[in-house]
Structure formats: structure tokens, C-alpha cells
């Protein structure tokens, strides 16, 4: 019995060691970048504008040259997921990223973004809460 446990523990350690040697794939470290929804709460309505600032956290510098490659906006109501179409707008004069959506319901919405940031090998993901009021 101890032999089986010992072999299992050794196998687990080997798998862990090998997996740590594999190249990182997927998304860049989200902790390196901060995504903030500006001017909250946002008033409910058709064509509401959501502004997002991306910051490189280590040097507290705004990232103004990212490309937003994916955006989804949805509200969870119990077990129902209510997605809404999001349209990218031109950046504002401060380099913030802007989006337009029909925010017809009051409450907490989730804006999921994927950004390609120059110098990063992989995209950066963020999931932001957007507070909508009457």
C-alpha cells in the first residue's frame, strides 16, 4: 500500500515538474494590467457609452496603443445570461477605450474584454463590472 502511494506521489511531482517547463500559452498576466470602467454608474438607455482605461500597473502608465480584439457584455438574471451587442467606438482624447451598448436594465453588467497590447506575446483578458442606474 505504501509503495502505491509513494509511486503516485512521485508521478504527481513528475507531472508538476514537466508542466512547469512547458511554455506559457494563452493570455498574458492580467495582473500586469489594470482595466477600469470610468464614470460609473452609467445611466441606462439606448446607445449608452462605456469608457475603459487600461493601465500598466507596475509603472502606473495608461496603455493607449492596445487593440481590443474581443468584447462581450451581458447581465446575469438568475440562471439566464442576457447578452447585449457591444460596438467599439473611437478612443477619446485621453486614450481611453469606448464602447456603445443598449443598457436597458438597471443593475450589474459584466463587460469581458480581450486586448492585444504591443510587447505582450499573448492577449490580456479582463472581466469588468458595469453598474447601470436609471
N, C-alpha and C. Protein backbone atom coordinates (compact mmCIF):
# COMPACT_ATOMS: atom_id res chain seq x y z
N UNK A 1 0.83 -1.20 0.00
CA UNK A 1 0.00 0.00 0.00
C UNK A 1 0.87 1.25 0.00
N UNK A 2 1.90 1.30 0.87
CA UNK A 2 2.79 2.45 0.91
C UNK A 2 3.52 2.62 -0.41
N UNK A 3 3.84 1.51 -1.08
CA UNK A 3 4.52 1.56 -2.36
C UNK A 3 3.65 2.23 -3.42
N UNK A 4 2.35 1.94 -3.39
CA UNK A 4 1.43 2.55 -4.36
C UNK A 4 1.30 4.04 -4.10
N UNK A 5 1.17 4.42 -2.84
CA UNK A 5 1.09 5.85 -2.50
C UNK A 5 2.37 6.58 -2.89
N UNK A 6 3.51 5.94 -2.64
CA UNK A 6 4.79 6.55 -2.98
C UNK A 6 4.90 6.76 -4.49
N UNK A 7 4.53 5.75 -5.28
CA UNK A 7 4.59 5.86 -6.74
C UNK A 7 3.64 6.94 -7.24
N UNK A 8 2.46 7.05 -6.62
CA UNK A 8 1.50 8.08 -7.03
C UNK A 8 2.04 9.47 -6.73
N UNK A 9 2.67 9.63 -5.58
CA UNK A 9 3.23 10.93 -5.21
C UNK A 9 4.37 11.31 -6.15
N UNK A 10 5.22 10.35 -6.48
CA UNK A 10 6.33 10.61 -7.40
C UNK A 10 5.79 10.98 -8.78
N UNK A 11 4.78 10.27 -9.25
CA UNK A 11 4.18 10.57 -10.55
C UNK A 11 3.59 11.98 -10.57
N UNK A 12 2.92 12.37 -9.50
CA UNK A 12 2.34 13.71 -9.43
C UNK A 12 3.43 14.77 -9.46
N UNK A 13 4.54 14.55 -8.76
CA UNK A 13 5.64 15.50 -8.76
C UNK A 13 6.29 15.61 -10.14
N UNK A 14 6.40 14.48 -10.84
CA UNK A 14 6.98 14.50 -12.19
C UNK A 14 6.08 15.29 -13.13
N UNK A 15 4.77 15.09 -13.05
CA UNK A 15 3.83 15.82 -13.90
C UNK A 15 3.91 17.31 -13.60
N UNK A 16 3.97 17.68 -12.35
CA UNK A 16 4.07 19.09 -11.96
C UNK A 16 5.37 19.70 -12.47
N UNK A 17 6.48 18.97 -12.35
CA UNK A 17 7.77 19.48 -12.80
C UNK A 17 7.80 19.66 -14.31
N UNK A 18 7.27 18.71 -15.05
CA UNK A 18 7.25 18.80 -16.51
C UNK A 18 6.33 19.93 -16.97
N UNK A 19 5.18 20.06 -16.34
CA UNK A 19 4.24 21.11 -16.75
C UNK A 19 4.82 22.50 -16.49
N UNK A 20 5.67 22.66 -15.50
CA UNK A 20 6.26 23.96 -15.23
C UNK A 20 7.32 24.32 -16.26
N UNK A 21 7.81 23.34 -17.02
CA UNK A 21 8.80 23.59 -18.06
C UNK A 21 8.18 23.94 -19.40
N UNK A 22 6.89 23.66 -19.56
CA UNK A 22 6.21 23.94 -20.81
C UNK A 22 6.07 25.44 -21.01
N UNK A 23 6.12 25.89 -22.27
CA UNK A 23 5.98 27.34 -22.50
C UNK A 23 4.59 27.81 -22.12
N UNK A 24 4.51 29.02 -21.62
CA UNK A 24 3.22 29.59 -21.25
C UNK A 24 2.45 29.93 -22.52
N UNK A 25 1.19 29.58 -22.55
CA UNK A 25 0.34 29.89 -23.70
C UNK A 25 -0.93 30.52 -23.19
N UNK A 26 -1.71 31.08 -24.09
CA UNK A 26 -3.00 31.64 -23.68
C UNK A 26 -2.92 33.13 -23.52
N UNK A 27 -3.07 33.62 -22.31
CA UNK A 27 -3.20 35.05 -22.07
C UNK A 27 -2.05 35.57 -21.24
N UNK A 28 -1.68 36.84 -21.48
CA UNK A 28 -0.65 37.50 -20.68
C UNK A 28 -1.18 37.67 -19.25
N UNK A 29 -0.27 37.90 -18.35
CA UNK A 29 -0.66 38.04 -16.94
C UNK A 29 -1.56 39.26 -16.77
N UNK A 30 -2.81 39.01 -16.45
CA UNK A 30 -3.76 40.10 -16.26
C UNK A 30 -3.36 41.00 -15.09
N UNK A 31 -2.57 40.45 -14.17
CA UNK A 31 -2.14 41.26 -13.02
C UNK A 31 -1.20 42.38 -13.44
N UNK A 32 -0.60 42.26 -14.64
CA UNK A 32 0.30 43.30 -15.12
C UNK A 32 -0.45 44.53 -15.62
N UNK A 33 -1.75 44.37 -15.83
CA UNK A 33 -2.56 45.45 -16.40
C UNK A 33 -3.84 45.62 -15.60
N UNK A 34 -4.23 46.87 -15.42
CA UNK A 34 -5.49 47.17 -14.75
C UNK A 34 -6.49 47.70 -15.78
N UNK A 35 -7.70 47.21 -15.72
CA UNK A 35 -8.78 47.68 -16.58
C UNK A 35 -9.82 48.31 -15.66
N UNK A 36 -10.18 49.55 -15.91
CA UNK A 36 -11.13 50.25 -15.06
C UNK A 36 -12.23 50.88 -15.90
N UNK A 37 -13.48 50.65 -15.48
CA UNK A 37 -14.61 51.33 -16.11
C UNK A 37 -14.67 52.73 -15.51
N UNK A 38 -14.68 53.75 -16.36
CA UNK A 38 -14.70 55.13 -15.91
C UNK A 38 -16.13 55.65 -15.82
N UNK A 39 -16.33 56.67 -15.01
CA UNK A 39 -17.62 57.39 -14.90
C UNK A 39 -18.78 56.46 -14.56
N UNK A 40 -18.60 55.67 -13.51
CA UNK A 40 -19.71 54.82 -13.05
C UNK A 40 -20.46 55.53 -11.95
N UNK A 41 -21.72 55.27 -11.75
CA UNK A 41 -22.56 54.37 -12.54
C UNK A 41 -22.92 55.00 -13.88
N UNK A 42 -23.34 54.13 -14.81
CA UNK A 42 -23.72 54.56 -16.15
C UNK A 42 -25.24 54.58 -16.23
N UNK A 43 -25.76 55.62 -16.85
CA UNK A 43 -27.21 55.77 -16.97
C UNK A 43 -27.75 54.78 -18.01
N UNK A 44 -28.83 54.09 -17.64
CA UNK A 44 -29.47 53.13 -18.55
C UNK A 44 -30.00 53.85 -19.78
N UNK A 45 -29.97 53.17 -20.91
CA UNK A 45 -30.53 53.74 -22.12
C UNK A 45 -29.95 53.12 -23.38
N UNK A 46 -30.53 53.50 -24.49
CA UNK A 46 -30.06 53.05 -25.80
C UNK A 46 -28.76 53.76 -26.13
N UNK A 47 -27.79 53.03 -26.64
CA UNK A 47 -26.53 53.64 -27.04
C UNK A 47 -25.72 54.24 -25.91
N UNK A 48 -25.80 53.65 -24.74
CA UNK A 48 -25.02 54.14 -23.60
C UNK A 48 -23.52 53.93 -23.88
N UNK A 49 -22.71 54.87 -23.43
CA UNK A 49 -21.27 54.78 -23.66
C UNK A 49 -20.57 54.29 -22.41
N UNK A 50 -19.70 53.31 -22.60
CA UNK A 50 -18.87 52.76 -21.52
C UNK A 50 -17.42 53.09 -21.88
N UNK A 51 -16.72 53.77 -20.98
CA UNK A 51 -15.31 54.12 -21.20
C UNK A 51 -14.44 53.27 -20.28
N UNK A 52 -13.37 52.72 -20.84
CA UNK A 52 -12.46 51.85 -20.08
C UNK A 52 -11.04 52.38 -20.23
N UNK A 53 -10.35 52.42 -19.10
CA UNK A 53 -8.94 52.81 -19.08
C UNK A 53 -8.12 51.57 -18.80
N UNK A 54 -7.06 51.37 -19.59
CA UNK A 54 -6.13 50.26 -19.35
C UNK A 54 -4.83 50.87 -18.81
N UNK A 55 -4.33 50.31 -17.72
CA UNK A 55 -3.12 50.82 -17.08
C UNK A 55 -2.11 49.70 -16.90
N UNK A 56 -0.85 49.99 -17.22
CA UNK A 56 0.22 49.04 -16.91
C UNK A 56 0.55 49.26 -15.44
N UNK A 57 0.20 48.30 -14.60
CA UNK A 57 0.21 48.51 -13.15
C UNK A 57 1.59 48.75 -12.56
N UNK A 58 2.63 48.12 -13.09
CA UNK A 58 3.96 48.25 -12.49
C UNK A 58 4.49 49.67 -12.57
N UNK A 59 4.14 50.38 -13.65
CA UNK A 59 4.68 51.74 -13.83
C UNK A 59 3.58 52.80 -13.82
N UNK A 60 2.36 52.39 -13.54
CA UNK A 60 1.21 53.31 -13.45
C UNK A 60 1.08 54.18 -14.71
N UNK A 61 1.19 53.51 -15.86
CA UNK A 61 1.11 54.23 -17.13
C UNK A 61 -0.11 53.75 -17.91
N UNK A 62 -0.85 54.70 -18.48
CA UNK A 62 -2.00 54.34 -19.30
C UNK A 62 -1.52 53.68 -20.59
N UNK A 63 -2.23 52.64 -20.98
CA UNK A 63 -1.95 51.95 -22.23
C UNK A 63 -2.92 52.51 -23.26
N UNK A 64 -2.39 53.23 -24.24
CA UNK A 64 -3.25 53.87 -25.24
C UNK A 64 -3.09 53.25 -26.63
N UNK A 65 -2.22 52.25 -26.75
CA UNK A 65 -1.97 51.66 -28.06
C UNK A 65 -2.39 50.19 -28.15
N UNK A 66 -3.30 49.77 -27.29
CA UNK A 66 -3.80 48.39 -27.34
C UNK A 66 -4.86 48.29 -28.44
N UNK A 67 -5.09 47.07 -28.88
CA UNK A 67 -6.16 46.79 -29.82
C UNK A 67 -7.14 45.86 -29.12
N UNK A 68 -8.38 46.29 -29.00
CA UNK A 68 -9.40 45.44 -28.38
C UNK A 68 -9.82 44.41 -29.42
N UNK A 69 -9.53 43.15 -29.13
CA UNK A 69 -9.81 42.08 -30.09
C UNK A 69 -11.08 41.31 -29.77
N UNK A 70 -11.64 41.54 -28.60
CA UNK A 70 -12.88 40.87 -28.22
C UNK A 70 -13.60 41.63 -27.13
N UNK A 71 -14.92 41.71 -27.27
CA UNK A 71 -15.71 42.37 -26.22
C UNK A 71 -17.09 41.74 -26.19
N UNK A 72 -17.52 41.40 -24.98
CA UNK A 72 -18.88 40.91 -24.77
C UNK A 72 -19.44 41.60 -23.54
N UNK A 73 -20.73 41.82 -23.56
CA UNK A 73 -21.41 42.47 -22.44
C UNK A 73 -22.66 41.66 -22.14
N UNK A 74 -22.83 41.33 -20.88
CA UNK A 74 -24.01 40.56 -20.51
C UNK A 74 -24.41 40.83 -19.07
N UNK A 75 -25.66 40.51 -18.80
CA UNK A 75 -26.21 40.64 -17.44
C UNK A 75 -26.75 39.27 -17.05
N UNK A 76 -26.41 38.83 -15.85
CA UNK A 76 -26.94 37.58 -15.34
C UNK A 76 -28.19 37.87 -14.54
N UNK A 77 -29.26 37.18 -14.90
CA UNK A 77 -30.52 37.30 -14.16
C UNK A 77 -30.92 35.89 -13.73
N UNK A 78 -30.56 35.57 -12.49
CA UNK A 78 -30.79 34.20 -12.03
C UNK A 78 -29.92 33.26 -12.84
N UNK A 79 -30.55 32.33 -13.54
CA UNK A 79 -29.79 31.39 -14.35
C UNK A 79 -29.75 31.81 -15.82
N UNK A 80 -30.37 32.95 -16.14
CA UNK A 80 -30.38 33.43 -17.53
C UNK A 80 -29.22 34.39 -17.76
N UNK A 81 -28.55 34.20 -18.88
CA UNK A 81 -27.48 35.11 -19.29
C UNK A 81 -28.04 35.96 -20.42
N UNK A 82 -28.06 37.28 -20.22
CA UNK A 82 -28.65 38.19 -21.20
C UNK A 82 -27.54 38.98 -21.90
N UNK A 83 -27.05 38.47 -23.06
CA UNK A 83 -26.00 39.19 -23.78
C UNK A 83 -26.56 40.39 -24.55
N UNK A 84 -25.72 41.38 -24.74
CA UNK A 84 -26.08 42.58 -25.48
C UNK A 84 -24.95 42.86 -26.47
N UNK A 85 -25.31 43.33 -27.64
CA UNK A 85 -24.31 43.67 -28.65
C UNK A 85 -23.51 44.88 -28.18
N UNK A 86 -22.19 44.81 -28.35
CA UNK A 86 -21.28 45.89 -27.97
C UNK A 86 -20.61 46.42 -29.24
N UNK A 87 -20.59 47.72 -29.38
CA UNK A 87 -19.93 48.34 -30.53
C UNK A 87 -18.75 49.16 -30.04
N UNK A 88 -17.59 48.90 -30.63
CA UNK A 88 -16.41 49.70 -30.28
C UNK A 88 -16.53 51.08 -30.89
N UNK A 89 -16.18 52.09 -30.11
CA UNK A 89 -16.16 53.48 -30.56
C UNK A 89 -14.71 53.94 -30.62
N UNK A 90 -14.44 55.05 -31.30
CA UNK A 90 -13.07 55.58 -31.29
C UNK A 90 -12.64 55.95 -29.86
N UNK A 91 -11.33 55.86 -29.61
CA UNK A 91 -10.80 56.25 -28.31
C UNK A 91 -11.07 57.73 -28.09
N UNK A 92 -11.20 58.12 -26.80
CA UNK A 92 -11.37 59.54 -26.51
C UNK A 92 -10.02 60.25 -26.54
N UNK A 93 -10.00 61.55 -26.26
CA UNK A 93 -8.77 62.33 -26.36
C UNK A 93 -7.73 61.97 -25.30
N UNK A 94 -8.12 61.18 -24.30
CA UNK A 94 -7.18 60.74 -23.26
C UNK A 94 -6.67 59.33 -23.53
N UNK A 95 -7.12 58.72 -24.64
CA UNK A 95 -6.68 57.37 -24.99
C UNK A 95 -7.48 56.27 -24.33
N UNK A 96 -8.63 56.60 -23.74
CA UNK A 96 -9.49 55.59 -23.14
C UNK A 96 -10.28 54.87 -24.22
N UNK A 97 -10.59 53.63 -23.97
CA UNK A 97 -11.32 52.80 -24.92
C UNK A 97 -12.81 52.94 -24.65
N UNK A 98 -13.59 53.15 -25.71
CA UNK A 98 -15.01 53.41 -25.52
C UNK A 98 -15.84 52.39 -26.28
N UNK A 99 -16.99 52.09 -25.70
CA UNK A 99 -17.92 51.12 -26.27
C UNK A 99 -19.34 51.66 -26.14
N UNK A 100 -20.19 51.25 -27.06
CA UNK A 100 -21.59 51.63 -27.02
C UNK A 100 -22.43 50.37 -26.93
N UNK A 101 -23.46 50.42 -26.09
CA UNK A 101 -24.37 49.27 -25.93
C UNK A 101 -25.72 49.77 -25.44
N UNK A 102 -26.74 49.00 -25.72
CA UNK A 102 -28.08 49.31 -25.22
C UNK A 102 -28.22 48.70 -23.82
N UNK A 103 -28.06 49.53 -22.82
CA UNK A 103 -28.15 49.09 -21.42
C UNK A 103 -29.57 49.40 -20.93
N UNK A 104 -30.47 48.48 -21.19
CA UNK A 104 -31.89 48.73 -20.94
C UNK A 104 -32.34 48.33 -19.54
N UNK A 105 -31.50 47.62 -18.82
CA UNK A 105 -31.88 47.17 -17.47
C UNK A 105 -30.91 47.71 -16.43
N UNK A 106 -31.45 48.09 -15.29
CA UNK A 106 -30.66 48.59 -14.17
C UNK A 106 -30.02 47.41 -13.45
N UNK A 107 -28.79 47.59 -13.02
CA UNK A 107 -28.11 46.54 -12.25
C UNK A 107 -26.66 46.39 -12.67
N UNK A 108 -26.08 45.28 -12.28
CA UNK A 108 -24.67 45.00 -12.57
C UNK A 108 -24.55 44.19 -13.86
N UNK A 109 -23.78 44.72 -14.80
CA UNK A 109 -23.49 44.06 -16.05
C UNK A 109 -22.02 43.64 -16.03
N UNK A 110 -21.66 42.67 -16.86
CA UNK A 110 -20.27 42.25 -16.96
C UNK A 110 -19.77 42.52 -18.38
N UNK A 111 -18.68 43.27 -18.46
CA UNK A 111 -18.01 43.55 -19.72
C UNK A 111 -16.72 42.75 -19.75
N UNK A 112 -16.65 41.80 -20.69
CA UNK A 112 -15.45 40.99 -20.86
C UNK A 112 -14.67 41.53 -22.05
N UNK A 113 -13.39 41.82 -21.82
CA UNK A 113 -12.55 42.37 -22.87
C UNK A 113 -11.32 41.50 -23.08
N UNK A 114 -10.87 41.47 -24.33
CA UNK A 114 -9.59 40.86 -24.69
C UNK A 114 -8.83 41.93 -25.45
N UNK A 115 -7.60 42.21 -25.01
CA UNK A 115 -6.80 43.27 -25.62
C UNK A 115 -5.45 42.73 -26.05
N UNK A 116 -5.05 43.11 -27.26
CA UNK A 116 -3.70 42.84 -27.74
C UNK A 116 -2.88 44.09 -27.41
N UNK A 117 -1.87 43.90 -26.57
CA UNK A 117 -1.05 45.02 -26.12
C UNK A 117 0.35 44.86 -26.72
N UNK A 118 0.83 45.88 -27.44
CA UNK A 118 2.17 45.78 -28.03
C UNK A 118 3.22 45.40 -26.98
N UNK A 119 4.07 44.45 -27.35
CA UNK A 119 5.11 43.98 -26.45
C UNK A 119 4.72 42.74 -25.67
N UNK A 120 3.44 42.42 -25.63
CA UNK A 120 2.97 41.21 -24.95
C UNK A 120 2.84 40.09 -25.97
N UNK A 121 3.28 38.91 -25.61
CA UNK A 121 3.21 37.77 -26.53
C UNK A 121 1.79 37.23 -26.66
N UNK A 122 0.99 37.45 -25.65
CA UNK A 122 -0.36 36.91 -25.63
C UNK A 122 -1.35 38.01 -25.27
N UNK A 123 -2.61 37.84 -25.67
CA UNK A 123 -3.63 38.84 -25.31
C UNK A 123 -3.85 38.91 -23.80
N UNK A 124 -4.40 40.03 -23.36
CA UNK A 124 -4.73 40.23 -21.94
C UNK A 124 -6.25 40.23 -21.82
N UNK A 125 -6.77 39.50 -20.84
CA UNK A 125 -8.21 39.41 -20.62
C UNK A 125 -8.61 40.17 -19.36
N UNK A 126 -9.81 40.72 -19.40
CA UNK A 126 -10.35 41.38 -18.20
C UNK A 126 -11.86 41.18 -18.17
N UNK A 127 -12.39 41.05 -16.99
CA UNK A 127 -13.83 40.95 -16.77
C UNK A 127 -14.19 42.08 -15.80
N UNK A 128 -14.99 43.04 -16.29
CA UNK A 128 -15.28 44.24 -15.53
C UNK A 128 -16.77 44.32 -15.18
N UNK A 129 -17.06 44.87 -14.03
CA UNK A 129 -18.44 45.11 -13.63
C UNK A 129 -18.84 46.53 -14.02
N UNK A 130 -19.96 46.63 -14.69
CA UNK A 130 -20.51 47.92 -15.11
C UNK A 130 -21.81 48.12 -14.35
N UNK A 131 -21.87 49.15 -13.52
CA UNK A 131 -23.08 49.45 -12.75
C UNK A 131 -23.98 50.38 -13.57
N UNK A 132 -25.23 49.96 -13.77
CA UNK A 132 -26.18 50.73 -14.56
C UNK A 132 -27.33 51.17 -13.66
N UNK A 133 -27.67 52.47 -13.74
CA UNK A 133 -28.74 53.04 -12.94
C UNK A 133 -29.77 53.72 -13.85
N UNK A 134 -30.93 54.05 -13.26
CA UNK A 134 -31.99 54.75 -14.01
C UNK A 134 -31.55 56.12 -14.43
